[in-house]
Amino acid sequence: MRLLQKEVNLENCPILWHKPITKEVLQSDFDIRGGNWHVEDGWLVGENRENYPAMVISQQDFFGDVILEFRAMTILPCTHDINAMWSGSWNYETNTRHIAYVCGLQGWWHGKVGFEKSPDYKLNAATPLFPFIPGREYFVQMGSFNGHAFILIDGALVLEITDPDPIDTSKYGRFGFEAYCSKLRFRDICLRKAVWRTVEEHYDAEF
């Protein structure tokens, strides 16, 4: 995968976490922070009718640059907001998401693929150009390298953004999934260590 001035070999990124989703894994490896999260036929299912991020987040931190992979879909009649976070944290005093990168499909109230950085949400990027189909299963890969965040959907790069003030991934390392007034399911969840190299970009003359 090529990004702006970076190249990533996704197949050679070591696995940090990858387990089949079971009731036991949900209980032992994750922390439910709002909404109804349960396991059905190997899927992690999240339901939340309210307008706030009801999340399930990893109990363990995975520090450093990471890539989060998963398959996901909305459960009809739900049509929006397949969201996930990485390099994240949780504020248990306010029971809200703290520092984290968040990325989603068909979100931001107007059907966009985008990024946001909590908790101040001053860094945002979104595009309405992805042709999302409710109820369809998508393979999603999202992550960041020193603040250079990206999202691939079914193997195609959809959006990337560079954060001028990157999250300190030596301090924040939890990943998780969000239901925002939505009903969703996730499977084949895999967190990888991001391995990348810098590339010097240039043009070859075309005339």
N, C-alpha and C. Protein backbone atom coordinates (compact mmCIF):
# COMPACT_ATOMS: atom_id res chain seq x y z
N MET A 1 0.84 -1.19 0.00
CA MET A 1 0.00 0.00 0.00
C MET A 1 0.88 1.24 0.00
N ARG A 2 0.57 2.19 -0.90
CA ARG A 2 1.30 3.43 -0.94
C ARG A 2 0.45 4.56 -0.36
N LEU A 3 1.06 5.30 0.55
CA LEU A 3 0.49 6.52 1.08
C LEU A 3 1.40 7.67 0.65
N LEU A 4 1.06 8.87 1.07
CA LEU A 4 1.93 10.01 0.77
C LEU A 4 3.28 9.81 1.44
N GLN A 5 4.32 9.58 0.64
CA GLN A 5 5.70 9.44 1.08
C GLN A 5 5.93 8.25 2.01
N LYS A 6 5.03 7.27 1.96
CA LYS A 6 5.18 6.06 2.78
C LYS A 6 4.72 4.84 1.99
N GLU A 7 5.32 3.69 2.32
CA GLU A 7 4.91 2.42 1.75
C GLU A 7 4.73 1.42 2.88
N VAL A 8 3.66 0.68 2.83
CA VAL A 8 3.32 -0.28 3.88
C VAL A 8 3.10 -1.64 3.24
N ASN A 9 3.76 -2.66 3.76
CA ASN A 9 3.53 -4.03 3.33
C ASN A 9 2.58 -4.68 4.33
N LEU A 10 1.30 -4.65 4.03
CA LEU A 10 0.29 -5.09 4.99
C LEU A 10 0.45 -6.55 5.38
N GLU A 11 0.90 -7.38 4.45
CA GLU A 11 1.04 -8.81 4.72
C GLU A 11 2.18 -9.11 5.69
N ASN A 12 3.14 -8.20 5.81
CA ASN A 12 4.29 -8.42 6.69
C ASN A 12 4.19 -7.67 8.01
N CYS A 13 3.04 -7.14 8.32
CA CYS A 13 2.83 -6.46 9.59
C CYS A 13 2.47 -7.49 10.66
N PRO A 14 3.30 -7.67 11.70
CA PRO A 14 3.07 -8.72 12.69
C PRO A 14 1.75 -8.56 13.43
N ILE A 15 1.14 -9.67 13.76
CA ILE A 15 -0.13 -9.68 14.48
C ILE A 15 0.11 -9.45 15.97
N LEU A 16 -0.62 -8.51 16.54
CA LEU A 16 -0.57 -8.22 17.97
C LEU A 16 -1.75 -8.86 18.71
N TRP A 17 -2.92 -8.89 18.07
CA TRP A 17 -4.12 -9.50 18.68
C TRP A 17 -4.98 -10.05 17.57
N HIS A 18 -5.37 -11.32 17.69
CA HIS A 18 -6.26 -11.93 16.72
C HIS A 18 -6.86 -13.18 17.34
N LYS A 19 -8.14 -13.12 17.67
CA LYS A 19 -8.82 -14.25 18.29
C LYS A 19 -10.23 -14.37 17.70
N PRO A 20 -10.74 -15.59 17.62
CA PRO A 20 -12.16 -15.73 17.26
C PRO A 20 -13.02 -15.04 18.33
N ILE A 21 -14.09 -14.42 17.90
CA ILE A 21 -14.96 -13.72 18.84
C ILE A 21 -15.92 -14.72 19.48
N THR A 22 -15.75 -14.90 20.79
CA THR A 22 -16.63 -15.75 21.58
C THR A 22 -17.10 -14.97 22.80
N LYS A 23 -18.07 -15.50 23.50
CA LYS A 23 -18.54 -14.85 24.73
C LYS A 23 -17.40 -14.75 25.74
N GLU A 24 -16.56 -15.78 25.79
CA GLU A 24 -15.44 -15.78 26.74
C GLU A 24 -14.41 -14.72 26.38
N VAL A 25 -14.12 -14.56 25.08
CA VAL A 25 -13.16 -13.54 24.64
C VAL A 25 -13.72 -12.15 24.89
N LEU A 26 -15.00 -11.95 24.64
CA LEU A 26 -15.61 -10.64 24.91
C LEU A 26 -15.48 -10.29 26.39
N GLN A 27 -15.66 -11.28 27.25
CA GLN A 27 -15.58 -11.04 28.69
C GLN A 27 -14.15 -10.84 29.17
N SER A 28 -13.20 -11.59 28.62
CA SER A 28 -11.83 -11.56 29.13
C SER A 28 -10.97 -10.46 28.51
N ASP A 29 -11.25 -10.11 27.25
CA ASP A 29 -10.36 -9.21 26.52
C ASP A 29 -10.92 -7.81 26.30
N PHE A 30 -12.20 -7.61 26.55
CA PHE A 30 -12.82 -6.34 26.24
C PHE A 30 -13.58 -5.77 27.44
N ASP A 31 -13.79 -4.46 27.36
CA ASP A 31 -14.48 -3.70 28.39
C ASP A 31 -15.66 -3.00 27.71
N ILE A 32 -16.87 -3.31 28.12
CA ILE A 32 -18.07 -2.72 27.51
C ILE A 32 -18.36 -1.38 28.18
N ARG A 33 -18.40 -0.33 27.38
CA ARG A 33 -18.61 1.03 27.88
C ARG A 33 -19.84 1.63 27.20
N GLY A 34 -20.99 1.07 27.46
CA GLY A 34 -22.25 1.59 26.93
C GLY A 34 -22.81 0.73 25.83
N GLY A 35 -24.13 0.78 25.68
CA GLY A 35 -24.80 -0.01 24.66
C GLY A 35 -24.90 -1.47 25.04
N ASN A 36 -25.39 -2.26 24.13
CA ASN A 36 -25.54 -3.70 24.30
C ASN A 36 -24.57 -4.39 23.35
N TRP A 37 -23.57 -5.06 23.91
CA TRP A 37 -22.59 -5.79 23.12
C TRP A 37 -22.66 -7.27 23.49
N HIS A 38 -22.77 -8.11 22.48
CA HIS A 38 -22.84 -9.54 22.72
C HIS A 38 -22.31 -10.28 21.50
N VAL A 39 -22.24 -11.60 21.58
CA VAL A 39 -21.69 -12.43 20.50
C VAL A 39 -22.80 -13.30 19.93
N GLU A 40 -22.90 -13.29 18.60
CA GLU A 40 -23.86 -14.13 17.89
C GLU A 40 -23.16 -14.80 16.71
N ASP A 41 -23.06 -16.12 16.75
CA ASP A 41 -22.52 -16.89 15.62
C ASP A 41 -21.17 -16.37 15.14
N GLY A 42 -20.27 -16.05 16.09
CA GLY A 42 -18.94 -15.59 15.75
C GLY A 42 -18.84 -14.11 15.42
N TRP A 43 -19.92 -13.39 15.51
CA TRP A 43 -19.93 -11.94 15.28
C TRP A 43 -20.01 -11.20 16.61
N LEU A 44 -19.27 -10.10 16.71
CA LEU A 44 -19.44 -9.15 17.81
C LEU A 44 -20.54 -8.18 17.40
N VAL A 45 -21.62 -8.18 18.13
CA VAL A 45 -22.80 -7.37 17.78
C VAL A 45 -22.93 -6.21 18.76
N GLY A 46 -23.08 -4.99 18.23
CA GLY A 46 -23.26 -3.81 19.05
C GLY A 46 -24.56 -3.11 18.72
N GLU A 47 -25.30 -2.71 19.77
CA GLU A 47 -26.57 -2.01 19.59
C GLU A 47 -26.61 -0.80 20.52
N ASN A 48 -26.99 0.33 19.97
CA ASN A 48 -27.14 1.55 20.76
C ASN A 48 -28.11 2.48 20.04
N ARG A 49 -29.23 2.81 20.68
CA ARG A 49 -30.24 3.65 20.06
C ARG A 49 -30.00 5.14 20.31
N GLU A 50 -29.00 5.46 21.13
CA GLU A 50 -28.79 6.86 21.52
C GLU A 50 -27.69 7.52 20.69
N ASN A 51 -27.65 8.87 20.75
CA ASN A 51 -26.66 9.65 19.99
C ASN A 51 -25.42 9.91 20.84
N TYR A 52 -24.69 8.85 21.11
CA TYR A 52 -23.39 8.96 21.77
C TYR A 52 -22.62 7.68 21.45
N PRO A 53 -21.29 7.71 21.57
CA PRO A 53 -20.49 6.54 21.21
C PRO A 53 -20.48 5.48 22.30
N ALA A 54 -21.37 4.48 22.18
CA ALA A 54 -21.35 3.32 23.07
C ALA A 54 -20.29 2.37 22.55
N MET A 55 -19.30 2.06 23.40
CA MET A 55 -18.13 1.36 22.90
C MET A 55 -17.83 0.06 23.62
N VAL A 56 -17.11 -0.80 22.92
CA VAL A 56 -16.43 -1.93 23.52
C VAL A 56 -14.96 -1.73 23.19
N ILE A 57 -14.09 -1.76 24.22
CA ILE A 57 -12.68 -1.44 24.02
C ILE A 57 -11.81 -2.54 24.63
N SER A 58 -10.63 -2.69 24.06
CA SER A 58 -9.70 -3.70 24.56
C SER A 58 -9.28 -3.37 25.99
N GLN A 59 -9.15 -4.39 26.82
CA GLN A 59 -8.65 -4.17 28.17
C GLN A 59 -7.15 -3.92 28.17
N GLN A 60 -6.48 -4.43 27.16
CA GLN A 60 -5.02 -4.32 27.07
C GLN A 60 -4.63 -3.17 26.15
N ASP A 61 -3.51 -2.53 26.47
CA ASP A 61 -2.91 -1.54 25.57
C ASP A 61 -1.97 -2.23 24.60
N PHE A 62 -1.97 -1.75 23.36
CA PHE A 62 -1.04 -2.22 22.34
C PHE A 62 -0.32 -0.97 21.82
N PHE A 63 0.84 -0.71 22.36
CA PHE A 63 1.52 0.55 22.09
C PHE A 63 2.24 0.52 20.74
N GLY A 64 2.50 1.70 20.22
CA GLY A 64 3.18 1.83 18.95
C GLY A 64 2.20 2.02 17.79
N ASP A 65 2.76 2.18 16.59
CA ASP A 65 1.94 2.32 15.39
C ASP A 65 1.23 1.00 15.10
N VAL A 66 -0.08 1.08 14.80
CA VAL A 66 -0.86 -0.14 14.61
C VAL A 66 -1.81 0.00 13.42
N ILE A 67 -2.26 -1.16 12.96
CA ILE A 67 -3.30 -1.26 11.93
C ILE A 67 -4.40 -2.17 12.46
N LEU A 68 -5.64 -1.71 12.43
CA LEU A 68 -6.78 -2.47 12.89
C LEU A 68 -7.55 -2.98 11.68
N GLU A 69 -7.73 -4.30 11.61
CA GLU A 69 -8.48 -4.92 10.51
C GLU A 69 -9.73 -5.60 11.06
N PHE A 70 -10.78 -5.59 10.26
CA PHE A 70 -12.00 -6.29 10.65
C PHE A 70 -12.97 -6.33 9.47
N ARG A 71 -13.94 -7.22 9.59
CA ARG A 71 -15.08 -7.24 8.67
C ARG A 71 -16.29 -6.75 9.45
N ALA A 72 -17.12 -5.94 8.79
CA ALA A 72 -18.24 -5.34 9.51
C ALA A 72 -19.38 -5.03 8.56
N MET A 73 -20.56 -4.88 9.15
CA MET A 73 -21.75 -4.50 8.38
C MET A 73 -22.79 -3.91 9.33
N THR A 74 -23.64 -3.07 8.77
CA THR A 74 -24.80 -2.63 9.53
C THR A 74 -25.84 -3.74 9.50
N ILE A 75 -26.65 -3.81 10.56
CA ILE A 75 -27.74 -4.78 10.64
C ILE A 75 -29.02 -4.03 10.30
N LEU A 76 -29.59 -4.34 9.16
CA LEU A 76 -30.79 -3.64 8.70
C LEU A 76 -31.91 -3.78 9.72
N PRO A 77 -32.71 -2.71 9.93
CA PRO A 77 -32.81 -1.51 9.09
C PRO A 77 -31.76 -0.43 9.38
N CYS A 78 -30.75 -0.70 10.23
CA CYS A 78 -29.71 0.30 10.48
C CYS A 78 -28.91 0.54 9.20
N THR A 79 -28.59 1.80 8.93
CA THR A 79 -27.95 2.17 7.68
C THR A 79 -26.63 2.93 7.85
N HIS A 80 -26.12 3.10 9.09
CA HIS A 80 -25.00 4.03 9.24
C HIS A 80 -24.07 3.69 10.39
N ASP A 81 -22.89 4.32 10.36
CA ASP A 81 -21.91 4.40 11.45
C ASP A 81 -21.28 3.09 11.86
N ILE A 82 -20.38 2.58 11.00
CA ILE A 82 -19.45 1.51 11.38
C ILE A 82 -18.17 2.20 11.83
N ASN A 83 -17.95 2.28 13.14
CA ASN A 83 -16.87 3.09 13.69
C ASN A 83 -15.94 2.26 14.56
N ALA A 84 -14.66 2.64 14.56
CA ALA A 84 -13.66 1.97 15.40
C ALA A 84 -12.60 2.97 15.84
N MET A 85 -11.87 2.61 16.90
CA MET A 85 -10.80 3.48 17.39
C MET A 85 -9.53 2.66 17.58
N TRP A 86 -8.41 3.35 17.57
CA TRP A 86 -7.11 2.75 17.89
C TRP A 86 -6.23 3.82 18.53
N SER A 87 -5.08 3.40 19.06
CA SER A 87 -4.21 4.31 19.82
C SER A 87 -5.06 5.13 20.79
N GLY A 88 -5.92 4.42 21.51
CA GLY A 88 -6.95 5.09 22.29
C GLY A 88 -6.85 4.89 23.78
N SER A 89 -7.81 5.53 24.46
CA SER A 89 -7.89 5.49 25.92
C SER A 89 -9.32 5.81 26.33
N TRP A 90 -9.60 5.59 27.62
CA TRP A 90 -10.96 5.83 28.14
C TRP A 90 -10.87 6.62 29.43
N ASN A 91 -11.75 7.61 29.59
CA ASN A 91 -11.85 8.39 30.82
C ASN A 91 -12.94 7.75 31.69
N TYR A 92 -12.53 7.03 32.74
CA TYR A 92 -13.50 6.32 33.56
C TYR A 92 -14.25 7.25 34.51
N GLU A 93 -13.73 8.43 34.76
CA GLU A 93 -14.44 9.40 35.62
C GLU A 93 -15.66 9.97 34.92
N THR A 94 -15.51 10.27 33.63
CA THR A 94 -16.64 10.81 32.86
C THR A 94 -17.34 9.75 32.02
N ASN A 95 -16.77 8.54 31.99
CA ASN A 95 -17.26 7.45 31.15
C ASN A 95 -17.40 7.89 29.70
N THR A 96 -16.34 8.50 29.19
CA THR A 96 -16.29 8.93 27.79
C THR A 96 -14.93 8.55 27.20
N ARG A 97 -14.91 8.46 25.89
CA ARG A 97 -13.66 8.20 25.21
C ARG A 97 -12.70 9.36 25.45
N HIS A 98 -11.43 9.03 25.71
CA HIS A 98 -10.41 10.05 25.94
C HIS A 98 -9.59 10.17 24.65
N ILE A 99 -8.29 10.25 24.75
CA ILE A 99 -7.44 10.41 23.57
C ILE A 99 -7.52 9.16 22.69
N ALA A 100 -7.78 9.37 21.39
CA ALA A 100 -7.89 8.25 20.46
C ALA A 100 -8.03 8.78 19.04
N TYR A 101 -7.64 7.93 18.09
CA TYR A 101 -8.03 8.13 16.70
C TYR A 101 -9.29 7.32 16.45
N VAL A 102 -10.23 7.91 15.76
CA VAL A 102 -11.51 7.27 15.45
C VAL A 102 -11.74 7.36 13.94
N CYS A 103 -12.19 6.27 13.35
CA CYS A 103 -12.47 6.26 11.93
C CYS A 103 -13.78 5.53 11.70
N GLY A 104 -14.51 5.92 10.66
CA GLY A 104 -15.79 5.29 10.43
C GLY A 104 -16.26 5.32 9.00
N LEU A 105 -17.23 4.45 8.72
CA LEU A 105 -17.91 4.40 7.43
C LEU A 105 -19.35 4.87 7.62
N GLN A 106 -19.82 5.67 6.68
CA GLN A 106 -21.21 6.11 6.63
C GLN A 106 -21.60 6.81 7.94
N GLY A 107 -20.69 7.71 8.38
CA GLY A 107 -20.92 8.43 9.62
C GLY A 107 -21.01 9.93 9.45
N TRP A 108 -20.81 10.63 10.53
CA TRP A 108 -20.80 12.09 10.58
C TRP A 108 -22.11 12.67 10.04
N TRP A 109 -23.21 11.96 10.33
CA TRP A 109 -24.59 12.41 10.07
C TRP A 109 -24.95 12.56 8.61
N HIS A 110 -23.98 12.53 7.71
CA HIS A 110 -24.26 12.76 6.30
C HIS A 110 -23.65 11.68 5.40
N GLY A 111 -23.43 10.49 5.96
CA GLY A 111 -22.98 9.38 5.16
C GLY A 111 -21.57 9.51 4.63
N LYS A 112 -20.62 9.83 5.52
CA LYS A 112 -19.24 10.05 5.10
C LYS A 112 -18.30 9.00 5.69
N VAL A 113 -17.21 8.75 4.96
CA VAL A 113 -16.06 8.04 5.52
C VAL A 113 -15.14 9.11 6.09
N GLY A 114 -14.67 8.91 7.33
CA GLY A 114 -13.86 9.97 7.90
C GLY A 114 -13.06 9.58 9.11
N PHE A 115 -12.31 10.58 9.61
CA PHE A 115 -11.48 10.46 10.81
C PHE A 115 -11.87 11.57 11.78
N GLU A 116 -11.65 11.29 13.05
CA GLU A 116 -11.66 12.33 14.07
C GLU A 116 -10.69 11.93 15.17
N LYS A 117 -10.24 12.92 15.91
CA LYS A 117 -9.30 12.70 17.00
C LYS A 117 -9.94 13.22 18.28
N SER A 118 -10.20 12.31 19.20
CA SER A 118 -10.80 12.72 20.47
C SER A 118 -9.69 13.01 21.49
N PRO A 119 -10.00 13.78 22.55
CA PRO A 119 -11.35 14.21 22.94
C PRO A 119 -11.73 15.61 22.48
N ASP A 120 -10.84 16.36 21.84
CA ASP A 120 -11.20 17.75 21.49
C ASP A 120 -11.83 17.85 20.10
N TYR A 121 -11.64 16.84 19.25
CA TYR A 121 -12.27 16.78 17.92
C TYR A 121 -11.95 18.00 17.07
N LYS A 122 -10.73 18.52 17.21
CA LYS A 122 -10.29 19.61 16.36
C LYS A 122 -9.67 19.10 15.06
N LEU A 123 -9.29 17.83 15.04
CA LEU A 123 -8.78 17.21 13.82
C LEU A 123 -9.89 16.35 13.23
N ASN A 124 -10.36 16.71 12.04
CA ASN A 124 -11.42 15.98 11.36
C ASN A 124 -11.13 15.93 9.87
N ALA A 125 -11.51 14.85 9.23
CA ALA A 125 -11.44 14.74 7.78
C ALA A 125 -12.53 13.76 7.35
N ALA A 126 -13.24 14.09 6.25
CA ALA A 126 -14.33 13.22 5.82
C ALA A 126 -14.62 13.43 4.34
N THR A 127 -15.15 12.38 3.73
CA THR A 127 -15.56 12.46 2.33
C THR A 127 -16.87 11.70 2.14
N PRO A 128 -17.79 12.23 1.33
CA PRO A 128 -19.06 11.53 1.06
C PRO A 128 -18.99 10.63 -0.18
N LEU A 129 -17.80 10.40 -0.72
CA LEU A 129 -17.68 9.79 -2.04
C LEU A 129 -17.73 8.26 -2.04
N PHE A 130 -17.61 7.62 -0.87
CA PHE A 130 -17.64 6.16 -0.88
C PHE A 130 -19.09 5.67 -1.03
N PRO A 131 -19.36 4.77 -1.98
CA PRO A 131 -20.74 4.31 -2.25
C PRO A 131 -21.19 3.22 -1.28
N PHE A 132 -21.46 3.58 -0.06
CA PHE A 132 -21.80 2.64 1.00
C PHE A 132 -23.16 1.99 0.74
N ILE A 133 -23.24 0.69 1.00
CA ILE A 133 -24.49 -0.04 0.86
C ILE A 133 -24.87 -0.64 2.21
N PRO A 134 -25.95 -0.19 2.85
CA PRO A 134 -26.37 -0.74 4.14
C PRO A 134 -26.61 -2.25 4.05
N GLY A 135 -26.17 -2.96 5.09
CA GLY A 135 -26.36 -4.39 5.14
C GLY A 135 -25.32 -5.20 4.39
N ARG A 136 -24.41 -4.54 3.71
CA ARG A 136 -23.34 -5.23 2.99
C ARG A 136 -22.12 -5.38 3.91
N GLU A 137 -21.42 -6.51 3.82
CA GLU A 137 -20.21 -6.74 4.61
C GLU A 137 -19.01 -6.10 3.93
N TYR A 138 -18.20 -5.38 4.73
CA TYR A 138 -17.00 -4.72 4.22
C TYR A 138 -15.77 -5.20 4.99
N PHE A 139 -14.65 -5.30 4.29
CA PHE A 139 -13.35 -5.56 4.92
C PHE A 139 -12.66 -4.22 5.10
N VAL A 140 -12.36 -3.87 6.35
CA VAL A 140 -11.87 -2.54 6.69
C VAL A 140 -10.48 -2.65 7.31
N GLN A 141 -9.57 -1.79 6.89
CA GLN A 141 -8.24 -1.67 7.48
C GLN A 141 -7.99 -0.20 7.76
N MET A 142 -7.70 0.11 9.02
CA MET A 142 -7.45 1.50 9.42
C MET A 142 -6.30 1.53 10.40
N GLY A 143 -5.56 2.62 10.41
CA GLY A 143 -4.44 2.73 11.33
C GLY A 143 -3.69 4.02 11.13
N SER A 144 -2.51 4.09 11.74
CA SER A 144 -1.71 5.32 11.62
C SER A 144 -0.24 5.01 11.89
N PHE A 145 0.62 5.86 11.31
CA PHE A 145 2.07 5.77 11.50
C PHE A 145 2.54 7.17 11.85
N ASN A 146 2.87 7.38 13.12
CA ASN A 146 3.31 8.70 13.57
C ASN A 146 2.32 9.78 13.15
N GLY A 147 1.03 9.49 13.30
CA GLY A 147 -0.01 10.46 13.00
C GLY A 147 -0.50 10.47 11.57
N HIS A 148 0.08 9.66 10.69
CA HIS A 148 -0.40 9.55 9.32
C HIS A 148 -1.45 8.45 9.28
N ALA A 149 -2.72 8.86 9.30
CA ALA A 149 -3.83 7.92 9.42
C ALA A 149 -4.44 7.61 8.06
N PHE A 150 -4.99 6.41 7.93
CA PHE A 150 -5.55 5.98 6.65
C PHE A 150 -6.69 5.01 6.89
N ILE A 151 -7.52 4.83 5.85
CA ILE A 151 -8.53 3.78 5.86
C ILE A 151 -8.62 3.15 4.49
N LEU A 152 -8.59 1.81 4.47
CA LEU A 152 -8.82 1.02 3.27
C LEU A 152 -10.15 0.29 3.44
N ILE A 153 -10.93 0.24 2.38
CA ILE A 153 -12.18 -0.51 2.38
C ILE A 153 -12.13 -1.49 1.22
N ASP A 154 -12.23 -2.77 1.53
CA ASP A 154 -12.11 -3.84 0.52
C ASP A 154 -10.85 -3.66 -0.31
N GLY A 155 -9.75 -3.28 0.37
CA GLY A 155 -8.45 -3.20 -0.27
C GLY A 155 -8.14 -1.91 -0.99
N ALA A 156 -9.08 -0.98 -1.04
CA ALA A 156 -8.86 0.28 -1.75
C ALA A 156 -8.68 1.42 -0.74
N LEU A 157 -7.64 2.25 -0.96
CA LEU A 157 -7.42 3.40 -0.10
C LEU A 157 -8.51 4.44 -0.35
N VAL A 158 -9.23 4.80 0.71
CA VAL A 158 -10.36 5.72 0.59
C VAL A 158 -10.02 7.11 1.10
N LEU A 159 -9.18 7.18 2.17
CA LEU A 159 -8.87 8.48 2.75
C LEU A 159 -7.60 8.36 3.57
N GLU A 160 -6.78 9.42 3.57
CA GLU A 160 -5.63 9.50 4.47
C GLU A 160 -5.50 10.94 4.95
N ILE A 161 -4.89 11.10 6.12
CA ILE A 161 -4.72 12.42 6.72
C ILE A 161 -3.46 12.40 7.57
N THR A 162 -2.75 13.51 7.64
CA THR A 162 -1.58 13.61 8.51
C THR A 162 -1.88 14.56 9.66
N ASP A 163 -1.66 14.07 10.86
CA ASP A 163 -1.92 14.83 12.09
C ASP A 163 -0.64 15.58 12.48
N PRO A 164 -0.67 16.91 12.55
CA PRO A 164 0.53 17.66 12.92
C PRO A 164 0.92 17.51 14.39
N ASP A 165 0.01 16.96 15.19
CA ASP A 165 0.28 16.74 16.62
C ASP A 165 -0.11 15.30 16.95
N PRO A 166 0.70 14.32 16.53
CA PRO A 166 0.31 12.92 16.65
C PRO A 166 0.09 12.47 18.09
N ILE A 167 -0.82 11.52 18.24
CA ILE A 167 -1.02 10.87 19.53
C ILE A 167 0.27 10.15 19.93
N ASP A 168 0.62 10.24 21.20
CA ASP A 168 1.78 9.53 21.73
C ASP A 168 1.40 8.06 21.91
N THR A 169 1.78 7.24 20.93
CA THR A 169 1.37 5.84 20.97
C THR A 169 2.16 5.01 21.97
N SER A 170 3.13 5.63 22.66
CA SER A 170 3.79 4.93 23.76
C SER A 170 2.97 5.03 25.04
N LYS A 171 1.92 5.87 25.04
CA LYS A 171 1.07 6.05 26.21
C LYS A 171 -0.36 5.57 25.98
N TYR A 172 -0.82 5.58 24.73
CA TYR A 172 -2.21 5.27 24.44
C TYR A 172 -2.26 4.14 23.42
N GLY A 173 -2.90 3.02 23.80
CA GLY A 173 -2.81 1.86 22.93
C GLY A 173 -4.02 0.94 22.92
N ARG A 174 -5.19 1.43 23.31
CA ARG A 174 -6.36 0.56 23.30
C ARG A 174 -7.12 0.70 21.98
N PHE A 175 -7.74 -0.38 21.54
CA PHE A 175 -8.56 -0.33 20.34
C PHE A 175 -9.98 -0.76 20.69
N GLY A 176 -10.92 -0.40 19.84
CA GLY A 176 -12.30 -0.75 20.15
C GLY A 176 -13.25 -0.39 19.03
N PHE A 177 -14.53 -0.67 19.30
CA PHE A 177 -15.58 -0.49 18.30
C PHE A 177 -16.74 0.29 18.92
N GLU A 178 -17.45 1.00 18.05
CA GLU A 178 -18.45 1.96 18.52
C GLU A 178 -19.78 1.76 17.82
N ALA A 179 -20.85 1.83 18.59
CA ALA A 179 -22.20 1.89 18.03
C ALA A 179 -22.77 3.26 18.39
N TYR A 180 -23.04 4.06 17.37
CA TYR A 180 -23.54 5.43 17.56
C TYR A 180 -24.93 5.50 16.93
N CYS A 181 -25.95 5.32 17.76
CA CYS A 181 -27.33 5.24 17.26
C CYS A 181 -27.41 4.24 16.10
N SER A 182 -26.77 3.08 16.32
CA SER A 182 -26.66 2.12 15.24
C SER A 182 -26.66 0.69 15.78
N LYS A 183 -26.84 -0.26 14.87
CA LYS A 183 -26.80 -1.68 15.19
C LYS A 183 -25.88 -2.33 14.17
N LEU A 184 -24.78 -2.93 14.66
CA LEU A 184 -23.69 -3.36 13.81
C LEU A 184 -23.18 -4.73 14.21
N ARG A 185 -22.39 -5.33 13.32
CA ARG A 185 -21.67 -6.54 13.72
C ARG A 185 -20.29 -6.56 13.09
N PHE A 186 -19.34 -7.17 13.86
CA PHE A 186 -17.93 -7.19 13.50
C PHE A 186 -17.40 -8.62 13.65
N ARG A 187 -16.46 -9.00 12.78
CA ARG A 187 -15.79 -10.30 12.91
C ARG A 187 -14.40 -10.20 12.29
N ASP A 188 -13.63 -11.29 12.40
CA ASP A 188 -12.27 -11.35 11.86
C ASP A 188 -11.45 -10.14 12.31
N ILE A 189 -11.51 -9.84 13.60
CA ILE A 189 -10.81 -8.68 14.14
C ILE A 189 -9.34 -9.02 14.33
N CYS A 190 -8.47 -8.15 13.81
CA CYS A 190 -7.02 -8.39 13.89
C CYS A 190 -6.33 -7.05 14.08
N LEU A 191 -5.48 -6.97 15.08
CA LEU A 191 -4.66 -5.78 15.29
C LEU A 191 -3.22 -6.13 14.94
N ARG A 192 -2.60 -5.30 14.10
CA ARG A 192 -1.24 -5.55 13.63
C ARG A 192 -0.30 -4.41 14.02
N LYS A 193 0.94 -4.75 14.21
CA LYS A 193 1.98 -3.74 14.33
C LYS A 193 2.25 -3.17 12.95
N ALA A 194 2.26 -1.85 12.84
CA ALA A 194 2.46 -1.21 11.54
C ALA A 194 3.95 -1.19 11.18
N VAL A 195 4.26 -1.73 10.02
CA VAL A 195 5.61 -1.72 9.50
C VAL A 195 5.60 -0.95 8.19
N TRP A 196 6.40 0.09 8.12
CA TRP A 196 6.38 0.96 6.95
C TRP A 196 7.76 1.53 6.68
N ARG A 197 7.92 2.10 5.49
CA ARG A 197 9.18 2.76 5.14
C ARG A 197 8.88 4.07 4.43
N THR A 198 9.78 5.00 4.55
CA THR A 198 9.66 6.29 3.88
C THR A 198 10.02 6.14 2.40
N VAL A 199 9.27 6.81 1.56
CA VAL A 199 9.49 6.77 0.12
C VAL A 199 9.69 8.19 -0.39
N GLU A 200 10.71 8.38 -1.22
CA GLU A 200 10.92 9.70 -1.83
C GLU A 200 10.06 9.79 -3.09
N GLU A 201 9.09 10.67 -3.07
CA GLU A 201 8.17 10.81 -4.20
C GLU A 201 8.78 11.68 -5.29
N HIS A 202 8.47 11.34 -6.55
CA HIS A 202 8.91 12.17 -7.66
C HIS A 202 8.05 11.86 -8.88
N TYR A 203 8.06 12.76 -9.83
CA TYR A 203 7.40 12.54 -11.10
C TYR A 203 8.44 12.19 -12.16
N ASP A 204 8.07 11.33 -13.11
CA ASP A 204 8.83 11.14 -14.33
C ASP A 204 8.18 11.99 -15.42
N ALA A 205 8.99 12.69 -16.19
CA ALA A 205 8.45 13.56 -17.22
C ALA A 205 7.58 12.77 -18.20
N GLU A 206 6.43 13.30 -18.52
CA GLU A 206 5.48 12.64 -19.42
C GLU A 206 5.48 13.29 -20.82
N PHE A 207 6.35 14.26 -21.07
CA PHE A 207 6.35 14.96 -22.34
C PHE A 207 7.76 15.37 -22.72
